[in-house]
């Protein structure tokens, strides 16, 4: 994995802090509460995540998935998409 440099990490954090402060988004507990679109996306993400966990468990766990090359191939294919 290519991790960002410390300077880039700090720059990203500062941008997030400025946007949060200037937009007042932190004043709301959940800005997407009741959004059917967001709830549908979260439900889909949970379903896909559980399916992926089941696939890895069927392979014999995380170590078996790493040793077989499955995790690396999935990572590479996700970056290509």
PDB file of N, CA and C in Angstrom:
ATOM      1  N   UNK A   1       0.835  -1.180   0.000  1.00  0.00           N
ATOM      2  CA  UNK A   1       0.000   0.000   0.000  1.00  0.00           C
ATOM      3  C   UNK A   1       0.876   1.239   0.000  1.00  0.00           C
ATOM      4  N   UNK A   2       0.435   2.226  -0.714  1.00  0.00           N
ATOM      5  CA  UNK A   2       1.156   3.486  -0.712  1.00  0.00           C
ATOM      6  C   UNK A   2       0.545   4.431   0.310  1.00  0.00           C
ATOM      7  N   UNK A   3       1.220   4.612   1.418  1.00  0.00           N
ATOM      8  CA  UNK A   3       0.708   5.487   2.467  1.00  0.00           C
ATOM      9  C   UNK A   3       1.195   6.915   2.229  1.00  0.00           C
ATOM     10  N   UNK A   4       0.368   7.902   2.557  1.00  0.00           N
ATOM     11  CA  UNK A   4       0.777   9.287   2.341  1.00  0.00           C
ATOM     12  C   UNK A   4       1.900   9.691   3.290  1.00  0.00           C
ATOM     13  N   UNK A   5       2.681  10.661   2.833  1.00  0.00           N
ATOM     14  CA  UNK A   5       3.766  11.185   3.669  1.00  0.00           C
ATOM     15  C   UNK A   5       3.177  11.940   4.859  1.00  0.00           C
ATOM     16  N   UNK A   6       3.941  12.104   5.936  1.00  0.00           N
ATOM     17  CA  UNK A   6       3.419  12.813   7.115  1.00  0.00           C
ATOM     18  C   UNK A   6       2.894  14.213   6.789  1.00  0.00           C
ATOM     19  N   UNK A   7       3.604  14.942   5.916  1.00  0.00           N
ATOM     20  CA  UNK A   7       3.151  16.286   5.557  1.00  0.00           C
ATOM     21  C   UNK A   7       1.782  16.224   4.885  1.00  0.00           C
ATOM     22  N   UNK A   8       1.596  15.265   3.988  1.00  0.00           N
ATOM     23  CA  UNK A   8       0.316  15.109   3.295  1.00  0.00           C
ATOM     24  C   UNK A   8      -0.794  14.711   4.265  1.00  0.00           C
ATOM     25  N   UNK A   9      -0.458  13.879   5.241  1.00  0.00           N
ATOM     26  CA  UNK A   9      -1.441  13.488   6.250  1.00  0.00           C
ATOM     27  C   UNK A   9      -1.896  14.708   7.051  1.00  0.00           C
ATOM     28  N   UNK A  10      -0.933  15.535   7.448  1.00  0.00           N
ATOM     29  CA  UNK A  10      -1.267  16.716   8.239  1.00  0.00           C
ATOM     30  C   UNK A  10      -2.080  17.707   7.409  1.00  0.00           C
ATOM     31  N   UNK A  11      -1.702  17.898   6.152  1.00  0.00           N
ATOM     32  CA  UNK A  11      -2.427  18.804   5.264  1.00  0.00           C
ATOM     33  C   UNK A  11      -3.883  18.346   5.111  1.00  0.00           C
ATOM     34  N   UNK A  12      -4.079  17.053   4.914  1.00  0.00           N
ATOM     35  CA  UNK A  12      -5.425  16.499   4.773  1.00  0.00           C
ATOM     36  C   UNK A  12      -6.241  16.725   6.044  1.00  0.00           C
ATOM     37  N   UNK A  13      -5.636  16.497   7.184  1.00  0.00           N
ATOM     38  CA  UNK A  13      -6.326  16.704   8.458  1.00  0.00           C
ATOM     39  C   UNK A  13      -6.721  18.164   8.631  1.00  0.00           C
ATOM     40  N   UNK A  14      -5.822  19.079   8.300  1.00  0.00           N
ATOM     41  CA  UNK A  14      -6.119  20.509   8.454  1.00  0.00           C
ATOM     42  C   UNK A  14      -7.269  20.940   7.544  1.00  0.00           C
ATOM     43  N   UNK A  15      -7.305  20.414   6.322  1.00  0.00           N
ATOM     44  CA  UNK A  15      -8.403  20.739   5.410  1.00  0.00           C
ATOM     45  C   UNK A  15      -9.726  20.256   5.999  1.00  0.00           C
ATOM     46  N   UNK A  16      -9.730  19.043   6.545  1.00  0.00           N
ATOM     47  CA  UNK A  16     -10.948  18.513   7.169  1.00  0.00           C
ATOM     48  C   UNK A  16     -11.397  19.394   8.331  1.00  0.00           C
ATOM     49  N   UNK A  17     -10.431  19.843   9.131  1.00  0.00           N
ATOM     50  CA  UNK A  17     -10.769  20.672  10.283  1.00  0.00           C
ATOM     51  C   UNK A  17     -11.347  22.019   9.859  1.00  0.00           C
ATOM     52  N   UNK A  18     -10.756  22.628   8.837  1.00  0.00           N
ATOM     53  CA  UNK A  18     -11.254  23.915   8.347  1.00  0.00           C
ATOM     54  C   UNK A  18     -12.663  23.758   7.786  1.00  0.00           C
ATOM     55  N   UNK A  19     -12.875  22.727   6.966  1.00  0.00           N
ATOM     56  CA  UNK A  19     -14.205  22.505   6.394  1.00  0.00           C
ATOM     57  C   UNK A  19     -15.248  22.237   7.477  1.00  0.00           C
ATOM     58  N   UNK A  20     -14.888  21.453   8.475  1.00  0.00           N
ATOM     59  CA  UNK A  20     -15.823  21.158   9.564  1.00  0.00           C
ATOM     60  C   UNK A  20     -16.175  22.431  10.330  1.00  0.00           C
ATOM     61  N   UNK A  21     -15.174  23.268  10.580  1.00  0.00           N
ATOM     62  CA  UNK A  21     -15.409  24.502  11.330  1.00  0.00           C
ATOM     63  C   UNK A  21     -16.254  25.489  10.530  1.00  0.00           C
ATOM     64  N   UNK A  22     -15.923  25.663   9.258  1.00  0.00           N
ATOM     65  CA  UNK A  22     -16.606  26.674   8.448  1.00  0.00           C
ATOM     66  C   UNK A  22     -18.004  26.247   8.005  1.00  0.00           C
ATOM     67  N   UNK A  23     -18.260  24.968   7.949  1.00  0.00           N
ATOM     68  CA  UNK A  23     -19.568  24.503   7.473  1.00  0.00           C
ATOM     69  C   UNK A  23     -20.550  24.226   8.613  1.00  0.00           C
ATOM     70  N   UNK A  24     -20.090  24.241   9.849  1.00  0.00           N
ATOM     71  CA  UNK A  24     -20.924  23.933  11.018  1.00  0.00           C
ATOM     72  C   UNK A  24     -21.507  22.526  10.979  1.00  0.00           C
ATOM     73  N   UNK A  25     -20.890  21.612  10.251  1.00  0.00           N
ATOM     74  CA  UNK A  25     -21.403  20.248  10.174  1.00  0.00           C
ATOM     75  C   UNK A  25     -21.328  19.522  11.511  1.00  0.00           C
ATOM     76  N   UNK A  26     -20.420  19.960  12.368  1.00  0.00           N
ATOM     77  CA  UNK A  26     -20.266  19.286  13.656  1.00  0.00           C
ATOM     78  C   UNK A  26     -21.376  19.651  14.640  1.00  0.00           C
ATOM     79  N   UNK A  27     -22.229  20.585  14.265  1.00  0.00           N
ATOM     80  CA  UNK A  27     -23.333  20.988  15.132  1.00  0.00           C
ATOM     81  C   UNK A  27     -24.476  19.980  15.115  1.00  0.00           C
ATOM     82  N   UNK A  28     -24.470  19.058  14.153  1.00  0.00           N
ATOM     83  CA  UNK A  28     -25.560  18.105  13.983  1.00  0.00           C
ATOM     84  C   UNK A  28     -25.083  16.706  14.331  1.00  0.00           C
ATOM     85  N   UNK A  29     -25.913  15.990  15.073  1.00  0.00           N
ATOM     86  CA  UNK A  29     -25.542  14.637  15.488  1.00  0.00           C
ATOM     87  C   UNK A  29     -25.388  13.718  14.284  1.00  0.00           C
ATOM     88  N   UNK A  30     -26.348  13.765  13.372  1.00  0.00           N
ATOM     89  CA  UNK A  30     -26.298  12.916  12.179  1.00  0.00           C
ATOM     90  C   UNK A  30     -26.970  13.670  11.036  1.00  0.00           C
ATOM     91  N   UNK A  31     -26.172  14.249  10.154  1.00  0.00           N
ATOM     92  CA  UNK A  31     -26.738  15.082   9.088  1.00  0.00           C
ATOM     93  C   UNK A  31     -27.494  14.264   8.047  1.00  0.00           C
ATOM     94  N   UNK A  32     -27.265  12.952   8.012  1.00  0.00           N
ATOM     95  CA  UNK A  32     -27.940  12.109   7.036  1.00  0.00           C
ATOM     96  C   UNK A  32     -29.076  11.296   7.650  1.00  0.00           C
ATOM     97  N   UNK A  33     -29.459  11.600   8.867  1.00  0.00           N
ATOM     98  CA  UNK A  33     -30.519  10.841   9.535  1.00  0.00           C
ATOM     99  C   UNK A  33     -31.797  10.890   8.709  1.00  0.00           C
ATOM    100  N   UNK A  34     -32.343   9.720   8.429  1.00  0.00           N
ATOM    101  CA  UNK A  34     -33.582   9.646   7.673  1.00  0.00           C
ATOM    102  C   UNK A  34     -33.412   9.652   6.168  1.00  0.00           C
ATOM    103  N   UNK A  35     -32.184   9.781   5.687  1.00  0.00           N
ATOM    104  CA  UNK A  35     -31.958   9.784   4.242  1.00  0.00           C
ATOM    105  C   UNK A  35     -32.050   8.353   3.721  1.00  0.00           C
ATOM    106  N   UNK A  36     -33.031   8.109   2.875  1.00  0.00           N
ATOM    107  CA  UNK A  36     -33.228   6.762   2.338  1.00  0.00           C
ATOM    108  C   UNK A  36     -32.066   6.354   1.438  1.00  0.00           C
ATOM    109  N   UNK A  37     -31.479   7.318   0.742  1.00  0.00           N
ATOM    110  CA  UNK A  37     -30.352   7.019  -0.147  1.00  0.00           C
ATOM    111  C   UNK A  37     -29.148   6.553   0.667  1.00  0.00           C
ATOM    112  N   UNK A  38     -28.817   7.292   1.720  1.00  0.00           N
ATOM    113  CA  UNK A  38     -27.673   6.934   2.559  1.00  0.00           C
ATOM    114  C   UNK A  38     -27.930   5.611   3.264  1.00  0.00           C
ATOM    115  N   UNK A  39     -29.130   5.421   3.789  1.00  0.00           N
ATOM    116  CA  UNK A  39     -29.445   4.164   4.471  1.00  0.00           C
ATOM    117  C   UNK A  39     -29.340   2.975   3.526  1.00  0.00           C
ATOM    118  N   UNK A  40     -29.766   3.143   2.278  1.00  0.00           N
ATOM    119  CA  UNK A  40     -29.664   2.060   1.291  1.00  0.00           C
ATOM    120  C   UNK A  40     -28.208   1.746   0.983  1.00  0.00           C
ATOM    121  N   UNK A  41     -27.379   2.790   0.872  1.00  0.00           N
ATOM    122  CA  UNK A  41     -25.957   2.571   0.597  1.00  0.00           C
ATOM    123  C   UNK A  41     -25.267   1.885   1.775  1.00  0.00           C
ATOM    124  N   UNK A  42     -25.616   2.279   2.989  1.00  0.00           N
ATOM    125  CA  UNK A  42     -25.039   1.643   4.175  1.00  0.00           C
ATOM    126  C   UNK A  42     -25.457   0.180   4.241  1.00  0.00           C
ATOM    127  N   UNK A  43     -26.725  -0.095   3.976  1.00  0.00           N
ATOM    128  CA  UNK A  43     -27.203  -1.482   3.989  1.00  0.00           C
ATOM    129  C   UNK A  43     -26.475  -2.323   2.947  1.00  0.00           C
ATOM    130  N   UNK A  44     -26.269  -1.761   1.751  1.00  0.00           N
ATOM    131  CA  UNK A  44     -25.556  -2.481   0.692  1.00  0.00           C
ATOM    132  C   UNK A  44     -24.107  -2.727   1.091  1.00  0.00           C
ATOM    133  N   UNK A  45     -23.473  -1.730   1.699  1.00  0.00           N
ATOM    134  CA  UNK A  45     -22.085  -1.873   2.134  1.00  0.00           C
ATOM    135  C   UNK A  45     -21.959  -2.953   3.201  1.00  0.00           C
ATOM    136  N   UNK A  46     -22.877  -2.975   4.148  1.00  0.00           N
ATOM    137  CA  UNK A  46     -22.859  -3.997   5.201  1.00  0.00           C
ATOM    138  C   UNK A  46     -23.039  -5.381   4.593  1.00  0.00           C
ATOM    139  N   UNK A  47     -23.980  -5.515   3.676  1.00  0.00           N
ATOM    140  CA  UNK A  47     -24.239  -6.807   3.036  1.00  0.00           C
ATOM    141  C   UNK A  47     -23.015  -7.300   2.264  1.00  0.00           C
ATOM    142  N   UNK A  48     -22.393  -6.399   1.487  1.00  0.00           N
ATOM    143  CA  UNK A  48     -21.201  -6.776   0.722  1.00  0.00           C
ATOM    144  C   UNK A  48     -20.035  -7.121   1.646  1.00  0.00           C
ATOM    145  N   UNK A  49     -19.907  -6.385   2.742  1.00  0.00           N
ATOM    146  CA  UNK A  49     -18.826  -6.648   3.696  1.00  0.00           C
ATOM    147  C   UNK A  49     -18.981  -8.014   4.346  1.00  0.00           C
ATOM    148  N   UNK A  50     -20.196  -8.334   4.754  1.00  0.00           N
ATOM    149  CA  UNK A  50     -20.435  -9.642   5.369  1.00  0.00           C
ATOM    150  C   UNK A  50     -20.200 -10.774   4.373  1.00  0.00           C
ATOM    151  N   UNK A  51     -20.554 -10.563   3.110  1.00  0.00           N
ATOM    152  CA  UNK A  51     -20.306 -11.574   2.079  1.00  0.00           C
ATOM    153  C   UNK A  51     -18.806 -11.779   1.881  1.00  0.00           C
ATOM    154  N   UNK A  52     -18.039 -10.691   1.910  1.00  0.00           N
ATOM    155  CA  UNK A  52     -16.579 -10.797   1.751  1.00  0.00           C
ATOM    156  C   UNK A  52     -15.963 -11.517   2.949  1.00  0.00           C
ATOM    157  N   UNK A  53     -16.438 -11.211   4.144  1.00  0.00           N
ATOM    158  CA  UNK A  53     -15.943 -11.899   5.337  1.00  0.00           C
ATOM    159  C   UNK A  53     -16.243 -13.385   5.242  1.00  0.00           C
ATOM    160  N   UNK A  54     -17.435 -13.744   4.775  1.00  0.00           N
ATOM    161  CA  UNK A  54     -17.790 -15.157   4.605  1.00  0.00           C
ATOM    162  C   UNK A  54     -16.867 -15.842   3.601  1.00  0.00           C
ATOM    163  N   UNK A  55     -16.550 -15.149   2.479  1.00  0.00           N
ATOM    164  CA  UNK A  55     -15.632 -15.729   1.484  1.00  0.00           C
ATOM    165  C   UNK A  55     -14.264 -16.010   2.103  1.00  0.00           C
ATOM    166  N   UNK A  56     -13.772 -15.057   2.874  1.00  0.00           N
ATOM    167  CA  UNK A  56     -12.454 -15.225   3.500  1.00  0.00           C
ATOM    168  C   UNK A  56     -12.498 -16.343   4.535  1.00  0.00           C
ATOM    169  N   UNK A  57     -13.575 -16.436   5.293  1.00  0.00           N
ATOM    170  CA  UNK A  57     -13.711 -17.518   6.273  1.00  0.00           C
ATOM    171  C   UNK A  57     -13.748 -18.878   5.586  1.00  0.00           C
ATOM    172  N   UNK A  58     -14.406 -18.965   4.434  1.00  0.00           N
ATOM    173  CA  UNK A  58     -14.474 -20.226   3.693  1.00  0.00           C
ATOM    174  C   UNK A  58     -13.105 -20.642   3.156  1.00  0.00           C
ATOM    175  N   UNK A  59     -12.220 -19.671   2.949  1.00  0.00           N
ATOM    176  CA  UNK A  59     -10.859 -19.977   2.493  1.00  0.00           C
ATOM    177  C   UNK A  59      -9.989 -20.490   3.631  1.00  0.00           C
ATOM    178  N   UNK A  60     -10.452 -20.327   4.855  1.00  0.00           N
ATOM    179  CA  UNK A  60      -9.675 -20.756   6.004  1.00  0.00           C
ATOM    180  C   UNK A  60      -9.174 -19.600   6.845  1.00  0.00           C
ATOM    181  N   UNK A  61      -9.680 -18.413   6.600  1.00  0.00           N
ATOM    182  CA  UNK A  61      -9.297 -17.249   7.387  1.00  0.00           C
ATOM    183  C   UNK A  61      -8.405 -16.288   6.623  1.00  0.00           C
ATOM    184  N   UNK A  62      -8.027 -15.227   7.317  1.00  0.00           N
ATOM    185  CA  UNK A  62      -7.256 -14.157   6.688  1.00  0.00           C
ATOM    186  C   UNK A  62      -5.882 -14.623   6.230  1.00  0.00           C
ATOM    187  N   UNK A  63      -5.208 -15.418   7.046  1.00  0.00           N
ATOM    188  CA  UNK A  63      -3.863 -15.875   6.662  1.00  0.00           C
ATOM    189  C   UNK A  63      -3.918 -16.723   5.395  1.00  0.00           C
ATOM    190  N   UNK A  64      -4.899 -17.590   5.294  1.00  0.00           N
ATOM    191  CA  UNK A  64      -5.042 -18.418   4.095  1.00  0.00           C
ATOM    192  C   UNK A  64      -5.351 -17.553   2.881  1.00  0.00           C
ATOM    193  N   UNK A  65      -6.161 -16.510   3.070  1.00  0.00           N
ATOM    194  CA  UNK A  65      -6.489 -15.609   1.964  1.00  0.00           C
ATOM    195  C   UNK A  65      -5.262 -14.834   1.503  1.00  0.00           C
ATOM    196  N   UNK A  66      -4.394 -14.452   2.446  1.00  0.00           N
ATOM    197  CA  UNK A  66      -3.151 -13.761   2.084  1.00  0.00           C
ATOM    198  C   UNK A  66      -2.220 -14.714   1.356  1.00  0.00           C
ATOM    199  N   UNK A  67      -2.029 -15.898   1.911  1.00  0.00           N
ATOM    200  CA  UNK A  67      -1.101 -16.870   1.325  1.00  0.00           C
ATOM    201  C   UNK A  67      -1.538 -17.328  -0.064  1.00  0.00           C
ATOM    202  N   UNK A  68      -2.835 -17.377  -0.308  1.00  0.00           N
ATOM    203  CA  UNK A  68      -3.323 -17.813  -1.623  1.00  0.00           C
ATOM    204  C   UNK A  68      -3.241 -16.701  -2.665  1.00  0.00           C
ATOM    205  N   UNK A  69      -2.995 -15.474  -2.221  1.00  0.00           N
ATOM    206  CA  UNK A  69      -2.930 -14.347  -3.141  1.00  0.00           C
ATOM    207  C   UNK A  69      -4.273 -13.682  -3.383  1.00  0.00           C
ATOM    208  N   UNK A  70      -5.307 -14.180  -2.719  1.00  0.00           N
ATOM    209  CA  UNK A  70      -6.655 -13.642  -2.924  1.00  0.00           C
ATOM    210  C   UNK A  70      -6.740 -12.169  -2.527  1.00  0.00           C
ATOM    211  N   UNK A  71      -6.250 -11.824  -1.342  1.00  0.00           N
ATOM    212  CA  UNK A  71      -6.375 -10.445  -0.878  1.00  0.00           C
ATOM    213  C   UNK A  71      -5.629  -9.477  -1.783  1.00  0.00           C
ATOM    214  N   UNK A  72      -4.434  -9.870  -2.227  1.00  0.00           N
ATOM    215  CA  UNK A  72      -3.664  -8.994  -3.114  1.00  0.00           C
ATOM    216  C   UNK A  72      -4.386  -8.802  -4.440  1.00  0.00           C
ATOM    217  N   UNK A  73      -4.930  -9.876  -4.990  1.00  0.00           N
ATOM    218  CA  UNK A  73      -5.630  -9.753  -6.271  1.00  0.00           C
ATOM    219  C   UNK A  73      -6.877  -8.884  -6.137  1.00  0.00           C
ATOM    220  N   UNK A  74      -7.579  -8.988  -5.015  1.00  0.00           N
ATOM    221  CA  UNK A  74      -8.756  -8.147  -4.790  1.00  0.00           C
ATOM    222  C   UNK A  74      -8.364  -6.682  -4.642  1.00  0.00           C
ATOM    223  N   UNK A  75      -7.253  -6.427  -3.960  1.00  0.00           N
ATOM    224  CA  UNK A  75      -6.774  -5.061  -3.792  1.00  0.00           C
ATOM    225  C   UNK A  75      -6.411  -4.450  -5.137  1.00  0.00           C
ATOM    226  N   UNK A  76      -5.684  -5.209  -5.953  1.00  0.00           N
ATOM    227  CA  UNK A  76      -5.275  -4.722  -7.273  1.00  0.00           C
ATOM    228  C   UNK A  76      -6.497  -4.475  -8.150  1.00  0.00           C
ATOM    229  N   UNK A  77      -7.446  -5.400  -8.140  1.00  0.00           N
ATOM    230  CA  UNK A  77      -8.631  -5.231  -8.988  1.00  0.00           C
ATOM    231  C   UNK A  77      -9.506  -4.071  -8.514  1.00  0.00           C
ATOM    232  N   UNK A  78      -9.525  -3.803  -7.216  1.00  0.00           N
ATOM    233  CA  UNK A  78     -10.331  -2.683  -6.724  1.00  0.00           C
ATOM    234  C   UNK A  78      -9.723  -1.347  -7.135  1.00  0.00           C
ATOM    235  N   UNK A  79      -8.392  -1.289  -7.264  1.00  0.00           N
ATOM    236  CA  UNK A  79      -7.745  -0.056  -7.714  1.00  0.00           C
ATOM    237  C   UNK A  79      -7.940   0.158  -9.204  1.00  0.00           C
ATOM    238  N   UNK A  80      -8.103  -0.921  -9.948  1.00  0.00           N
ATOM    239  CA  UNK A  80      -8.287  -0.817 -11.397  1.00  0.00           C
ATOM    240  C   UNK A  80      -9.695  -0.349 -11.745  1.00  0.00           C
ATOM    241  N   UNK A  81     -10.633  -0.583 -10.851  1.00  0.00           N
ATOM    242  CA  UNK A  81     -12.043  -0.243 -11.138  1.00  0.00           C
ATOM    243  C   UNK A  81     -12.309   1.236 -11.025  1.00  0.00           C
TER     244      UNK A  81
END
